[in-house]
C-alpha atoms as a PDB file:
ATOM      1  CA  MET A   1       0.000   0.000   0.000  1.00  0.00           C
ATOM      2  CA  LYS A   2       1.560   3.266  -1.092  1.00  0.00           C
ATOM      3  CA  ASN A   3      -0.270   5.692   1.181  1.00  0.00           C
ATOM      4  CA  LYS A   4       1.863   5.397   4.288  1.00  0.00           C
ATOM      5  CA  PHE A   5       2.217   7.744   7.208  1.00  0.00           C
ATOM      6  CA  LEU A   6       2.436  11.459   6.588  1.00  0.00           C
ATOM      7  CA  LEU A   7       5.966  12.434   7.540  1.00  0.00           C
ATOM      8  CA  THR A   8       5.704  16.202   7.795  1.00  0.00           C
ATOM      9  CA  ILE A   9       8.620  18.250   9.114  1.00  0.00           C
ATOM     10  CA  LEU A  10       7.249  20.017  12.177  1.00  0.00           C
ATOM     11  CA  LEU A  11       8.373  23.349  13.586  1.00  0.00           C
ATOM     12  CA  VAL A  12       7.156  25.056  16.705  1.00  0.00           C
ATOM     13  CA  VAL A  13       6.388  28.425  15.180  1.00  0.00           C
ATOM     14  CA  ALA A  14       5.113  29.714  11.849  1.00  0.00           C
ATOM     15  CA  LEU A  15       8.522  30.737  10.577  1.00  0.00           C
ATOM     16  CA  ALA A  16       8.051  29.734   6.959  1.00  0.00           C
ATOM     17  CA  LEU A  17       9.943  32.243   4.889  1.00  0.00           C
ATOM     18  CA  VAL A  18       7.097  33.140   2.588  1.00  0.00           C
ATOM     19  CA  SER A  19       6.362  36.145   0.454  1.00  0.00           C
ATOM     20  CA  CYS A  20       3.049  37.853   1.043  1.00  0.00           C
ATOM     21  CA  LYS A  21       1.095  40.040  -1.342  1.00  0.00           C
ATOM     22  CA  GLN A  22       1.283  43.630  -0.258  1.00  0.00           C
ATOM     23  CA  LYS A  23      -1.820  45.748   0.093  1.00  0.00           C
ATOM     24  CA  ASP A  24      -1.278  49.394  -0.657  1.00  0.00           C
ATOM     25  CA  SER A  25      -4.039  51.003   1.353  1.00  0.00           C
ATOM     26  CA  ARG A  26      -3.300  52.122   4.877  1.00  0.00           C
ATOM     27  CA  ILE A  27      -6.849  51.121   5.796  1.00  0.00           C
ATOM     28  CA  PRO A  28      -8.163  47.750   4.595  1.00  0.00           C
ATOM     29  CA  ASP A  29     -11.198  47.755   2.395  1.00  0.00           C
ATOM     30  CA  SER A  30     -14.095  45.880   3.953  1.00  0.00           C
ATOM     31  CA  GLY A  31     -17.139  44.579   2.196  1.00  0.00           C
ATOM     32  CA  SER A  32     -19.371  47.197   3.836  1.00  0.00           C
ATOM     33  CA  GLY A  33     -17.094  50.085   2.884  1.00  0.00           C
ATOM     34  CA  LYS A  34     -16.465  50.832   6.546  1.00  0.00           C
ATOM     35  CA  THR A  35     -13.076  50.707   8.228  1.00  0.00           C
ATOM     36  CA  ASP A  36     -12.329  47.812  10.524  1.00  0.00           C
ATOM     37  CA  THR A  37     -13.424  48.573  14.091  1.00  0.00           C
ATOM     38  CA  GLU A  38     -10.115  47.543  15.633  1.00  0.00           C
ATOM     39  CA  LEU A  39      -8.120  49.656  13.221  1.00  0.00           C
ATOM     40  CA  SER A  40     -10.482  52.621  13.616  1.00  0.00           C
ATOM     41  CA  THR A  41      -9.995  52.547  17.366  1.00  0.00           C
ATOM     42  CA  ILE A  42      -6.214  52.534  17.017  1.00  0.00           C
ATOM     43  CA  ASN A  43      -6.314  55.337  14.438  1.00  0.00           C
ATOM     44  CA  GLU A  44      -8.448  57.486  16.728  1.00  0.00           C
ATOM     45  CA  SER A  45      -5.984  56.942  19.569  1.00  0.00           C
ATOM     46  CA  ILE A  46      -3.051  57.897  17.336  1.00  0.00           C
ATOM     47  CA  ASN A  47      -4.857  61.059  16.247  1.00  0.00           C
ATOM     48  CA  LYS A  48      -5.181  62.039  19.909  1.00  0.00           C
ATOM     49  CA  ASN A  49      -1.640  61.031  20.889  1.00  0.00           C
ATOM     50  CA  ALA A  50       0.626  60.965  17.860  1.00  0.00           C
ATOM     51  CA  ASN A  51       3.826  60.502  19.884  1.00  0.00           C
ATOM     52  CA  ASN A  52       2.832  57.338  21.724  1.00  0.00           C
ATOM     53  CA  PRO A  53       5.039  54.494  20.413  1.00  0.00           C
ATOM     54  CA  THR A  54       2.794  51.803  21.899  1.00  0.00           C
ATOM     55  CA  LEU A  55      -0.037  52.832  19.586  1.00  0.00           C
ATOM     56  CA  TYR A  56       2.162  52.463  16.500  1.00  0.00           C
ATOM     57  CA  ILE A  57       3.236  49.035  17.737  1.00  0.00           C
ATOM     58  CA  GLN A  58      -0.421  48.058  18.110  1.00  0.00           C
ATOM     59  CA  ARG A  59      -1.210  49.223  14.595  1.00  0.00           C
ATOM     60  CA  ALA A  60       1.888  47.505  13.193  1.00  0.00           C
ATOM     61  CA  GLU A  61       0.824  44.254  14.841  1.00  0.00           C
ATOM     62  CA  TYR A  62      -2.648  44.708  13.370  1.00  0.00           C
ATOM     63  CA  TYR A  63      -1.166  45.149   9.901  1.00  0.00           C
ATOM     64  CA  LEU A  64       1.166  42.190  10.472  1.00  0.00           C
ATOM     65  CA  LYS A  65      -1.788  40.011  11.433  1.00  0.00           C
ATOM     66  CA  ASN A  66      -3.507  41.050   8.204  1.00  0.00           C
ATOM     67  CA  GLU A  67      -0.354  40.579   6.087  1.00  0.00           C
ATOM     68  CA  GLN A  68      -0.037  44.252   5.205  1.00  0.00           C
ATOM     69  CA  LEU A  69       3.697  44.118   5.686  1.00  0.00           C
ATOM     70  CA  ASN A  70       4.689  47.467   4.184  1.00  0.00           C
ATOM     71  CA  ASN A  71       2.213  49.245   6.451  1.00  0.00           C
ATOM     72  CA  ALA A  72       3.428  47.233   9.431  1.00  0.00           C
ATOM     73  CA  LEU A  73       7.026  48.114   8.611  1.00  0.00           C
ATOM     74  CA  ALA A  74       6.254  51.833   8.414  1.00  0.00           C
ATOM     75  CA  ASP A  75       4.490  51.863  11.770  1.00  0.00           C
ATOM     76  CA  ILE A  76       7.064  49.780  13.599  1.00  0.00           C
ATOM     77  CA  ASN A  77       9.852  52.025  12.347  1.00  0.00           C
ATOM     78  CA  LYS A  78       7.851  54.990  13.653  1.00  0.00           C
ATOM     79  CA  ALA A  79       7.582  53.303  17.055  1.00  0.00           C
ATOM     80  CA  ILE A  80      11.323  52.614  17.111  1.00  0.00           C
ATOM     81  CA  GLY A  81      12.054  56.216  16.193  1.00  0.00           C
ATOM     82  CA  LEU A  82       9.951  57.440  19.101  1.00  0.00           C
ATOM     83  CA  LYS A  83      11.532  55.081  21.650  1.00  0.00           C
ATOM     84  CA  PRO A  84      14.624  53.280  20.317  1.00  0.00           C
ATOM     85  CA  ASP A  85      15.504  51.612  23.639  1.00  0.00           C
ATOM     86  CA  ASN A  86      12.219  49.641  23.840  1.00  0.00           C
ATOM     87  CA  PRO A  87      12.738  45.944  22.932  1.00  0.00           C
ATOM     88  CA  ARG A  88       9.112  45.290  21.971  1.00  0.00           C
ATOM     89  CA  PRO A  89       9.005  46.966  18.534  1.00  0.00           C
ATOM     90  CA  TYR A  90      12.201  45.197  17.469  1.00  0.00           C
ATOM     91  CA  PHE A  91      10.575  41.854  18.265  1.00  0.00           C
ATOM     92  CA  THR A  92       7.644  42.790  16.028  1.00  0.00           C
ATOM     93  CA  LEU A  93      10.062  43.994  13.362  1.00  0.00           C
ATOM     94  CA  SER A  94      11.735  40.575  13.366  1.00  0.00           C
ATOM     95  CA  SER A  95       8.361  38.963  12.616  1.00  0.00           C
ATOM     96  CA  ILE A  96       7.848  41.347   9.716  1.00  0.00           C
ATOM     97  CA  PHE A  97      11.237  40.429   8.270  1.00  0.00           C
ATOM     98  CA  VAL A  98      10.461  36.719   8.655  1.00  0.00           C
ATOM     99  CA  LEU A  99       7.269  37.075   6.628  1.00  0.00           C
ATOM    100  CA  MET A 100       9.129  39.169   4.070  1.00  0.00           C
ATOM    101  CA  GLY A 101      11.549  36.289   3.592  1.00  0.00           C
ATOM    102  CA  LYS A 102      14.493  38.134   5.139  1.00  0.00           C
ATOM    103  CA  PRO A 103      15.846  35.795   7.841  1.00  0.00           C
ATOM    104  CA  GLN A 104      19.205  37.513   8.280  1.00  0.00           C
ATOM    105  CA  GLN A 105      17.525  40.883   8.911  1.00  0.00           C
ATOM    106  CA  ALA A 106      15.242  39.147  11.393  1.00  0.00           C
ATOM    107  CA  LEU A 107      18.268  37.720  13.202  1.00  0.00           C
ATOM    108  CA  ASP A 108      19.951  41.124  13.313  1.00  0.00           C
ATOM    109  CA  VAL A 109      16.863  42.651  14.877  1.00  0.00           C
ATOM    110  CA  LEU A 110      16.592  39.858  17.448  1.00  0.00           C
ATOM    111  CA  ASN A 111      20.199  40.541  18.407  1.00  0.00           C
ATOM    112  CA  LYS A 112      19.108  44.127  19.017  1.00  0.00           C
ATOM    113  CA  VAL A 113      16.356  42.852  21.323  1.00  0.00           C
ATOM    114  CA  ILE A 114      18.924  40.831  23.261  1.00  0.00           C
ATOM    115  CA  SER A 115      21.279  43.812  23.509  1.00  0.00           C
ATOM    116  CA  LEU A 116      18.427  45.729  25.163  1.00  0.00           C
ATOM    117  CA  ASP A 117      17.162  42.803  27.238  1.00  0.00           C
ATOM    118  CA  ALA A 118      19.732  40.076  27.788  1.00  0.00           C
ATOM    119  CA  ALA A 119      17.227  37.862  29.626  1.00  0.00           C
ATOM    120  CA  ASN A 120      14.666  37.827  26.803  1.00  0.00           C
ATOM    121  CA  LYS A 121      14.296  34.064  26.297  1.00  0.00           C
ATOM    122  CA  ASP A 122      11.627  34.581  23.623  1.00  0.00           C
ATOM    123  CA  ALA A 123      14.183  36.358  21.476  1.00  0.00           C
ATOM    124  CA  TYR A 124      16.643  33.487  21.867  1.00  0.00           C
ATOM    125  CA  LEU A 125      13.905  30.981  21.035  1.00  0.00           C
ATOM    126  CA  LYS A 126      12.958  32.863  17.915  1.00  0.00           C
ATOM    127  CA  LYS A 127      16.605  33.028  16.876  1.00  0.00           C
ATOM    128  CA  ALA A 128      16.960  29.296  17.384  1.00  0.00           C
ATOM    129  CA  LYS A 129      13.874  28.612  15.268  1.00  0.00           C
ATOM    130  CA  LEU A 130      15.229  30.810  12.503  1.00  0.00           C
ATOM    131  CA  TYR A 131      18.558  28.989  12.553  1.00  0.00           C
ATOM    132  CA  LEU A 132      16.619  25.733  12.327  1.00  0.00           C
ATOM    133  CA  VAL A 133      14.712  26.927   9.258  1.00  0.00           C
ATOM    134  CA  MET A 134      18.037  28.040   7.774  1.00  0.00           C
ATOM    135  CA  LYS A 135      19.498  24.583   8.593  1.00  0.00           C
ATOM    136  CA  ASP A 136      22.278  26.102  10.666  1.00  0.00           C
ATOM    137  CA  TYR A 137      22.086  23.403  13.316  1.00  0.00           C
ATOM    138  CA  GLU A 138      25.231  24.395  15.169  1.00  0.00           C
ATOM    139  CA  LYS A 139      24.028  27.949  15.812  1.00  0.00           C
ATOM    140  CA  CYS A 140      20.568  26.631  16.616  1.00  0.00           C
ATOM    141  CA  ALA A 141      22.017  24.370  19.320  1.00  0.00           C
ATOM    142  CA  GLU A 142      24.147  27.221  20.711  1.00  0.00           C
ATOM    143  CA  THR A 143      21.115  29.495  20.906  1.00  0.00           C
ATOM    144  CA  VAL A 144      18.965  26.809  22.520  1.00  0.00           C
ATOM    145  CA  GLN A 145      21.583  26.523  25.236  1.00  0.00           C
ATOM    146  CA  LYS A 146      21.120  30.244  25.918  1.00  0.00           C
ATOM    147  CA  VAL A 147      17.441  29.508  26.540  1.00  0.00           C
ATOM    148  CA  PHE A 148      18.324  26.687  28.936  1.00  0.00           C
ATOM    149  CA  ASP A 149      20.634  29.065  30.814  1.00  0.00           C
ATOM    150  CA  LEU A 150      17.608  31.302  31.405  1.00  0.00           C
ATOM    151  CA  ASP A 151      14.977  28.576  31.785  1.00  0.00           C
ATOM    152  CA  PRO A 152      16.290  25.012  32.354  1.00  0.00           C
ATOM    153  CA  ARG A 153      12.850  23.407  31.854  1.00  0.00           C
ATOM    154  CA  ASN A 154      11.765  25.318  28.762  1.00  0.00           C
ATOM    155  CA  ALA A 155       9.633  22.979  26.625  1.00  0.00           C
ATOM    156  CA  ASP A 156      10.321  24.697  23.300  1.00  0.00           C
ATOM    157  CA  ALA A 157      14.057  24.542  23.968  1.00  0.00           C
ATOM    158  CA  PHE A 158      13.868  20.790  24.593  1.00  0.00           C
ATOM    159  CA  TYR A 159      11.863  20.421  21.391  1.00  0.00           C
ATOM    160  CA  LEU A 160      14.316  22.404  19.268  1.00  0.00           C
ATOM    161  CA  LYS A 161      17.199  20.471  20.771  1.00  0.00           C
ATOM    162  CA  GLY A 162      15.419  17.276  19.761  1.00  0.00           C
ATOM    163  CA  VAL A 163      14.920  18.450  16.190  1.00  0.00           C
ATOM    164  CA  VAL A 164      18.600  19.335  15.851  1.00  0.00           C
ATOM    165  CA  LEU A 165      19.624  15.951  17.264  1.00  0.00           C
ATOM    166  CA  ASP A 166      17.230  14.226  14.879  1.00  0.00           C
ATOM    167  CA  GLU A 167      18.590  16.158  11.898  1.00  0.00           C
ATOM    168  CA  ASN A 168      22.093  15.097  12.921  1.00  0.00           C
ATOM    169  CA  GLY A 169      21.090  11.423  13.044  1.00  0.00           C
ATOM    170  CA  GLU A 170      21.126  11.086  16.838  1.00  0.00           C
ATOM    171  CA  THR A 171      17.697   9.512  16.997  1.00  0.00           C
ATOM    172  CA  ALA A 172      17.788   8.082  20.517  1.00  0.00           C
ATOM    173  CA  LYS A 173      18.920  11.387  22.016  1.00  0.00           C
ATOM    174  CA  ALA A 174      16.303  13.221  19.958  1.00  0.00           C
ATOM    175  CA  ILE A 175      13.528  11.003  21.322  1.00  0.00           C
ATOM    176  CA  ALA A 176      14.785  11.594  24.859  1.00  0.00           C
ATOM    177  CA  SER A 177      14.626  15.347  24.244  1.00  0.00           C
ATOM    178  CA  PHE A 178      11.087  15.126  22.853  1.00  0.00           C
ATOM    179  CA  ARG A 179      10.088  13.203  25.977  1.00  0.00           C
ATOM    180  CA  GLN A 180      11.566  15.974  28.108  1.00  0.00           C
ATOM    181  CA  THR A 181       9.496  18.401  26.056  1.00  0.00           C
ATOM    182  CA  VAL A 182       6.201  16.735  26.935  1.00  0.00           C
ATOM    183  CA  GLN A 183       7.285  16.342  30.546  1.00  0.00           C
ATOM    184  CA  SER A 184       7.628  20.117  30.689  1.00  0.00           C
ATOM    185  CA  ASP A 185       4.544  20.705  28.534  1.00  0.00           C
ATOM    186  CA  PRO A 186       2.172  17.727  28.107  1.00  0.00           C
ATOM    187  CA  ASN A 187       0.298  19.661  25.400  1.00  0.00           C
ATOM    188  CA  HIS A 188       3.292  20.313  23.168  1.00  0.00           C
ATOM    189  CA  TYR A 189       1.773  19.264  19.837  1.00  0.00           C
ATOM    190  CA  ASP A 190       4.940  19.065  17.753  1.00  0.00           C
ATOM    191  CA  ALA A 191       6.814  16.961  20.295  1.00  0.00           C
ATOM    192  CA  LEU A 192       3.849  14.601  20.615  1.00  0.00           C
ATOM    193  CA  MET A 193       3.802  14.219  16.840  1.00  0.00           C
ATOM    194  CA  HIS A 194       7.530  13.481  16.701  1.00  0.00           C
ATOM    195  CA  LEU A 195       7.137  10.865  19.424  1.00  0.00           C
ATOM    196  CA  GLY A 196       4.241   9.343  17.511  1.00  0.00           C
ATOM    197  CA  TYR A 197       6.359   9.044  14.381  1.00  0.00           C
ATOM    198  CA  ALA A 198       9.325   7.685  16.340  1.00  0.00           C
ATOM    199  CA  ASN A 199       7.256   4.797  17.719  1.00  0.00           C
ATOM    200  CA  THR A 200       5.156   4.009  14.650  1.00  0.00           C
ATOM    201  CA  ASP A 201       7.170   1.025  13.437  1.00  0.00           C
ATOM    202  CA  THR A 202       8.446  -0.435  16.701  1.00  0.00           C
ATOM    203  CA  LYS A 203       5.771   0.424  19.287  1.00  0.00           C
ATOM    204  CA  PRO A 204       2.518   1.127  17.410  1.00  0.00           C
ATOM    205  CA  LEU A 205       0.336   1.146  20.539  1.00  0.00           C
ATOM    206  CA  MET A 206       2.558   3.804  22.072  1.00  0.00           C
ATOM    207  CA  ALA A 207       2.452   5.744  18.807  1.00  0.00           C
ATOM    208  CA  ILE A 208      -1.353   5.618  18.944  1.00  0.00           C
ATOM    209  CA  ASP A 209      -1.268   7.094  22.452  1.00  0.00           C
ATOM    210  CA  TYR A 210       0.988   9.941  21.327  1.00  0.00           C
ATOM    211  CA  PHE A 211      -1.112  10.735  18.258  1.00  0.00           C
ATOM    212  CA  ASN A 212      -4.295  10.638  20.340  1.00  0.00           C
ATOM    213  CA  SER A 213      -2.696  13.098  22.764  1.00  0.00           C
ATOM    214  CA  ALA A 214      -1.706  15.321  19.854  1.00  0.00           C
ATOM    215  CA  LEU A 215      -5.261  15.155  18.502  1.00  0.00           C
ATOM    216  CA  LYS A 216      -6.617  16.377  21.842  1.00  0.00           C
ATOM    217  CA  VAL A 217      -4.333  19.392  21.516  1.00  0.00           C
ATOM    218  CA  ASN A 218      -5.266  20.001  17.873  1.00  0.00           C
ATOM    219  CA  PRO A 219      -8.632  18.300  17.204  1.00  0.00           C
ATOM    220  CA  THR A 220      -8.808  19.448  13.567  1.00  0.00           C
ATOM    221  CA  SER A 221      -5.374  18.210  12.479  1.00  0.00           C
ATOM    222  CA  LEU A 222      -5.861  16.104   9.355  1.00  0.00           C
ATOM    223  CA  GLU A 223      -2.248  14.983   9.593  1.00  0.00           C
ATOM    224  CA  THR A 224      -2.741  13.582  13.082  1.00  0.00           C
ATOM    225  CA  MET A 225      -5.991  11.898  12.105  1.00  0.00           C
ATOM    226  CA  TYR A 226      -4.413  10.301   9.049  1.00  0.00           C
ATOM    227  CA  ASN A 227      -1.550   8.839  11.028  1.00  0.00           C
ATOM    228  CA  LEU A 228      -3.923   7.529  13.674  1.00  0.00           C
ATOM    229  CA  GLY A 229      -6.097   5.968  10.996  1.00  0.00           C
ATOM    230  CA  MET A 230      -3.095   4.252   9.435  1.00  0.00           C
ATOM    231  CA  LEU A 231      -2.000   2.853  12.798  1.00  0.00           C
ATOM    232  CA  TYR A 232      -5.458   1.498  13.543  1.00  0.00           C
ATOM    233  CA  GLN A 233      -5.704   0.130  10.004  1.00  0.00           C
ATOM    234  CA  GLU A 234      -2.397  -1.712  10.130  1.00  0.00           C
ATOM    235  CA  ASN A 235      -2.727  -3.003  13.675  1.00  0.00           C
ATOM    236  CA  GLY A 236      -6.014  -4.848  13.657  1.00  0.00           C
ATOM    237  CA  HIS A 237      -8.570  -2.096  14.237  1.00  0.00           C
ATOM    238  CA  PRO A 238     -10.248  -1.427  10.861  1.00  0.00           C
ATOM    239  CA  GLU A 239     -13.445  -0.067  12.407  1.00  0.00           C
ATOM    240  CA  LYS A 240     -11.498   2.542  14.375  1.00  0.00           C
ATOM    241  CA  ALA A 241      -9.573   3.409  11.216  1.00  0.00           C
ATOM    242  CA  LEU A 242     -12.825   4.036   9.338  1.00  0.00           C
ATOM    243  CA  GLU A 243     -14.053   6.172  12.218  1.00  0.00           C
ATOM    244  CA  ILE A 244     -10.941   8.324  12.039  1.00  0.00           C
ATOM    245  CA  TYR A 245     -11.136   8.647   8.243  1.00  0.00           C
ATOM    246  CA  GLY A 246     -14.788   9.594   8.645  1.00  0.00           C
ATOM    247  CA  SER A 247     -13.753  12.427  10.968  1.00  0.00           C
ATOM    248  CA  MET A 248     -11.290  13.598   8.337  1.00  0.00           C
ATOM    249  CA  LEU A 249     -14.019  13.614   5.703  1.00  0.00           C
ATOM    250  CA  LYS A 250     -16.296  15.676   7.933  1.00  0.00           C
ATOM    251  CA  LEU A 251     -13.591  18.344   7.934  1.00  0.00           C
ATOM    252  CA  ASN A 252     -12.691  17.892   4.256  1.00  0.00           C
ATOM    253  CA  PRO A 253     -15.140  15.770   2.221  1.00  0.00           C
ATOM    254  CA  THR A 254     -12.772  15.637  -0.775  1.00  0.00           C
ATOM    255  CA  ASN A 255      -9.639  14.547   1.107  1.00  0.00           C
ATOM    256  CA  LYS A 256      -8.318  11.928  -1.280  1.00  0.00           C
ATOM    257  CA  LEU A 257      -6.187  10.103   1.307  1.00  0.00           C
ATOM    258  CA  ALA A 258      -9.122   9.597   3.658  1.00  0.00           C
ATOM    259  CA  LEU A 259     -11.324   8.522   0.749  1.00  0.00           C
ATOM    260  CA  TYR A 260      -8.717   6.117  -0.608  1.00  0.00           C
ATOM    261  CA  ASN A 261      -7.934   4.572   2.769  1.00  0.00           C
ATOM    262  CA  SER A 262     -11.631   4.180   3.559  1.00  0.00           C
ATOM    263  CA  GLY A 263     -11.941   2.279   0.303  1.00  0.00           C
ATOM    264  CA  TYR A 264      -8.859   0.206   1.084  1.00  0.00           C
ATOM    265  CA  VAL A 265     -10.113  -0.797   4.535  1.00  0.00           C
ATOM    266  CA  ASN A 266     -13.457  -1.856   3.085  1.00  0.00           C
ATOM    267  CA  LEU A 267     -11.727  -3.782   0.298  1.00  0.00           C
ATOM    268  CA  VAL A 268      -8.936  -5.540   2.186  1.00  0.00           C
ATOM    269  CA  TYR A 269     -10.072  -5.831   5.789  1.00  0.00           C
ATOM    270  CA  MET A 270     -13.860  -5.975   5.542  1.00  0.00           C
ATOM    271  CA  GLN A 271     -14.455  -7.434   2.043  1.00  0.00           C
ATOM    272  CA  LYS A 272     -17.176  -4.859   1.395  1.00  0.00           C
ATOM    273  CA  TYR A 273     -16.430  -4.442  -2.284  1.00  0.00           C
ATOM    274  CA  SER A 274     -19.292  -2.167  -3.308  1.00  0.00           C
ATOM    275  CA  VAL A 275     -18.603   0.182  -0.391  1.00  0.00           C
ATOM    276  CA  GLY A 276     -14.898   0.162  -1.235  1.00  0.00           C
ATOM    277  CA  ALA A 277     -15.656   0.942  -4.884  1.00  0.00           C
ATOM    278  CA  ASP A 278     -17.783   3.921  -3.837  1.00  0.00           C
ATOM    279  CA  PHE A 279     -14.931   5.381  -1.785  1.00  0.00           C
ATOM    280  CA  PHE A 280     -12.426   4.815  -4.586  1.00  0.00           C
ATOM    281  CA  SER A 281     -14.832   6.562  -6.985  1.00  0.00           C
ATOM    282  CA  LYS A 282     -14.867   9.585  -4.693  1.00  0.00           C
ATOM    283  CA  ALA A 283     -11.072   9.525  -4.470  1.00  0.00           C
ATOM    284  CA  ILE A 284     -10.925   9.489  -8.284  1.00  0.00           C
ATOM    285  CA  ALA A 285     -13.352  12.418  -8.399  1.00  0.00           C
ATOM    286  CA  SER A 286     -10.939  14.276  -6.118  1.00  0.00           C
ATOM    287  CA  ASP A 287      -7.887  13.330  -8.243  1.00  0.00           C
ATOM    288  CA  SER A 288      -8.503  11.878 -11.692  1.00  0.00           C
ATOM    289  CA  THR A 289      -4.849  10.767 -11.967  1.00  0.00           C
ATOM    290  CA  TYR A 290      -4.949   8.698  -8.769  1.00  0.00           C
ATOM    291  CA  THR A 291      -3.807   5.406 -10.280  1.00  0.00           C
ATOM    292  CA  GLU A 292      -3.971   3.441  -7.020  1.00  0.00           C
ATOM    293  CA  ALA A 293      -7.633   4.405  -6.648  1.00  0.00           C
ATOM    294  CA  TRP A 294      -8.378   3.416 -10.253  1.00  0.00           C
ATOM    295  CA  TYR A 295      -6.682   0.051  -9.735  1.00  0.00           C
ATOM    296  CA  ASN A 296      -8.347  -0.751  -6.433  1.00  0.00           C
ATOM    297  CA  ARG A 297     -11.756   0.241  -7.727  1.00  0.00           C
ATOM    298  CA  GLY A 298     -11.139  -2.169 -10.589  1.00  0.00           C
ATOM    299  CA  TYR A 299     -10.126  -4.838  -8.105  1.00  0.00           C
ATOM    300  CA  CYS A 300     -13.331  -4.237  -6.133  1.00  0.00           C
ATOM    301  CA  TYR A 301     -15.315  -4.720  -9.351  1.00  0.00           C
ATOM    302  CA  GLU A 302     -13.348  -7.866 -10.155  1.00  0.00           C
ATOM    303  CA  LEU A 303     -13.980  -9.406  -6.737  1.00  0.00           C
ATOM    304  CA  ALA A 304     -17.645  -8.387  -6.896  1.00  0.00           C
ATOM    305  CA  GLY A 305     -18.047 -10.279 -10.179  1.00  0.00           C
ATOM    306  CA  ASP A 306     -18.141  -7.366 -12.625  1.00  0.00           C
ATOM    307  CA  PRO A 307     -15.191  -8.010 -14.977  1.00  0.00           C
ATOM    308  CA  ALA A 308     -16.325  -5.468 -17.561  1.00  0.00           C
ATOM    309  CA  LYS A 309     -16.030  -2.557 -15.133  1.00  0.00           C
ATOM    310  CA  ALA A 310     -12.811  -3.993 -13.732  1.00  0.00           C
ATOM    311  CA  ARG A 311     -11.285  -4.107 -17.222  1.00  0.00           C
ATOM    312  CA  ILE A 312     -12.162  -0.465 -17.873  1.00  0.00           C
ATOM    313  CA  ASP A 313     -10.389   0.626 -14.672  1.00  0.00           C
ATOM    314  CA  TYR A 314      -7.305  -1.514 -15.249  1.00  0.00           C
ATOM    315  CA  GLU A 315      -7.001  -0.119 -18.766  1.00  0.00           C
ATOM    316  CA  LYS A 316      -7.345   3.399 -17.359  1.00  0.00           C
ATOM    317  CA  VAL A 317      -4.443   2.727 -15.004  1.00  0.00           C
ATOM    318  CA  LEU A 318      -2.251   1.700 -17.939  1.00  0.00           C
ATOM    319  CA  LYS A 319      -3.172   4.870 -19.794  1.00  0.00           C
ATOM    320  CA  LEU A 320      -2.083   6.936 -16.805  1.00  0.00           C
ATOM    321  CA  LYS A 321       0.921   4.780 -15.909  1.00  0.00           C
ATOM    322  CA  THR A 322       2.376   2.714 -18.705  1.00  0.00           C
ATOM    323  CA  ASN A 323       3.616  -0.753 -17.680  1.00  0.00           C
ATOM    324  CA  ASP A 324       1.872  -0.679 -14.292  1.00  0.00           C
ATOM    325  CA  ILE A 325       2.476  -4.245 -13.089  1.00  0.00           C
ATOM    326  CA  LYS A 326      -0.651  -4.629 -10.956  1.00  0.00           C
ATOM    327  CA  ALA A 327      -2.966  -3.352 -13.682  1.00  0.00           C
ATOM    328  CA  ALA A 328      -1.344  -5.635 -16.255  1.00  0.00           C
ATOM    329  CA  GLN A 329      -1.723  -8.574 -13.887  1.00  0.00           C
ATOM    330  CA  GLY A 330      -5.360  -7.640 -13.364  1.00  0.00           C
ATOM    331  CA  LEU A 331      -6.029  -7.723 -17.098  1.00  0.00           C
ATOM    332  CA  ASN A 332      -4.252 -11.075 -17.331  1.00  0.00           C
ATOM    333  CA  ARG A 333      -6.506 -12.477 -14.625  1.00  0.00           C
ATOM    334  CA  LEU A 334      -9.588 -11.256 -16.478  1.00  0.00           C
ATOM    335  CA  ASP A 335      -8.330 -12.750 -19.744  1.00  0.00           C
ATOM    336  CA  LYS A 336      -7.699 -16.131 -18.130  1.00  0.00           C
ATOM    337  CA  ALA A 337     -11.151 -16.127 -16.548  1.00  0.00           C
ATOM    338  CA  ARG A 338     -12.730 -15.696 -19.999  1.00  0.00           C
ATOM    339  CA  ARG A 339     -11.064 -18.796 -21.453  1.00  0.00           C
END
């Protein structure tokens, strides 16, 4: 079966170095033509007290939240100009640079925060996460140690240490660090996910416990649900697997992995061929090039005694994927049955 566990690289914070579309207006355009209430309130306060840096920080953070990065940058620079020894606007400025795809500028600004507040563990954590995104594992580890110096039980620091160890191939030490993470913070989603992955092959029941804990923290995580479904599916609990895939489909009715796996469980574990075929049909509707779904729907038809439909699906697989062995074998079986 080709749809195995989703092995997503997890990071603690949204530090993806993405580019965002810039909006030119200082005031966002709403559907009613009226300015946003939150922004209006901040603007009124600025009009009354134009030299208050806190108000510009508030408006910059509003713009940052709404991905109006140029506006955010202008306001945060205004706040810094009014009070250059305040660490807070520099921290916001680092977030702006991150979303602008400028990690080095973000690091420089975080160093400014630390120069103003040497005990700012959040600044060290953010630096460490940036180094991790940049794959500078040595500097990440050095910066994590700074966090430990300030807070020896910091959960995010244990997690980042674990990721660095994992990236360097020190799996056992990484797992130990992820365990320390959840000891410090039992609701640390990313560490729970890593521990789930780490135990999937060797201790599936333990992996199920970790993924269930992660799902309690993030009940709408399709990734967590998928991995749980796979574990139930491959360890003798097909009904629970179908329940999990059903939850996925409530959140996203066209999720092709949940549709495919629901079909697979009905085909392989429950021998409900018509039900399996229906799920594979929905997976095909979601992705018309999904060769595994085409093949398994054909196999459902074959087992249900409908060779004509099975032949059509096997031939479709070969059109999408020339020399597909399973589809060719399926056609050979149908040909032999006709003799």
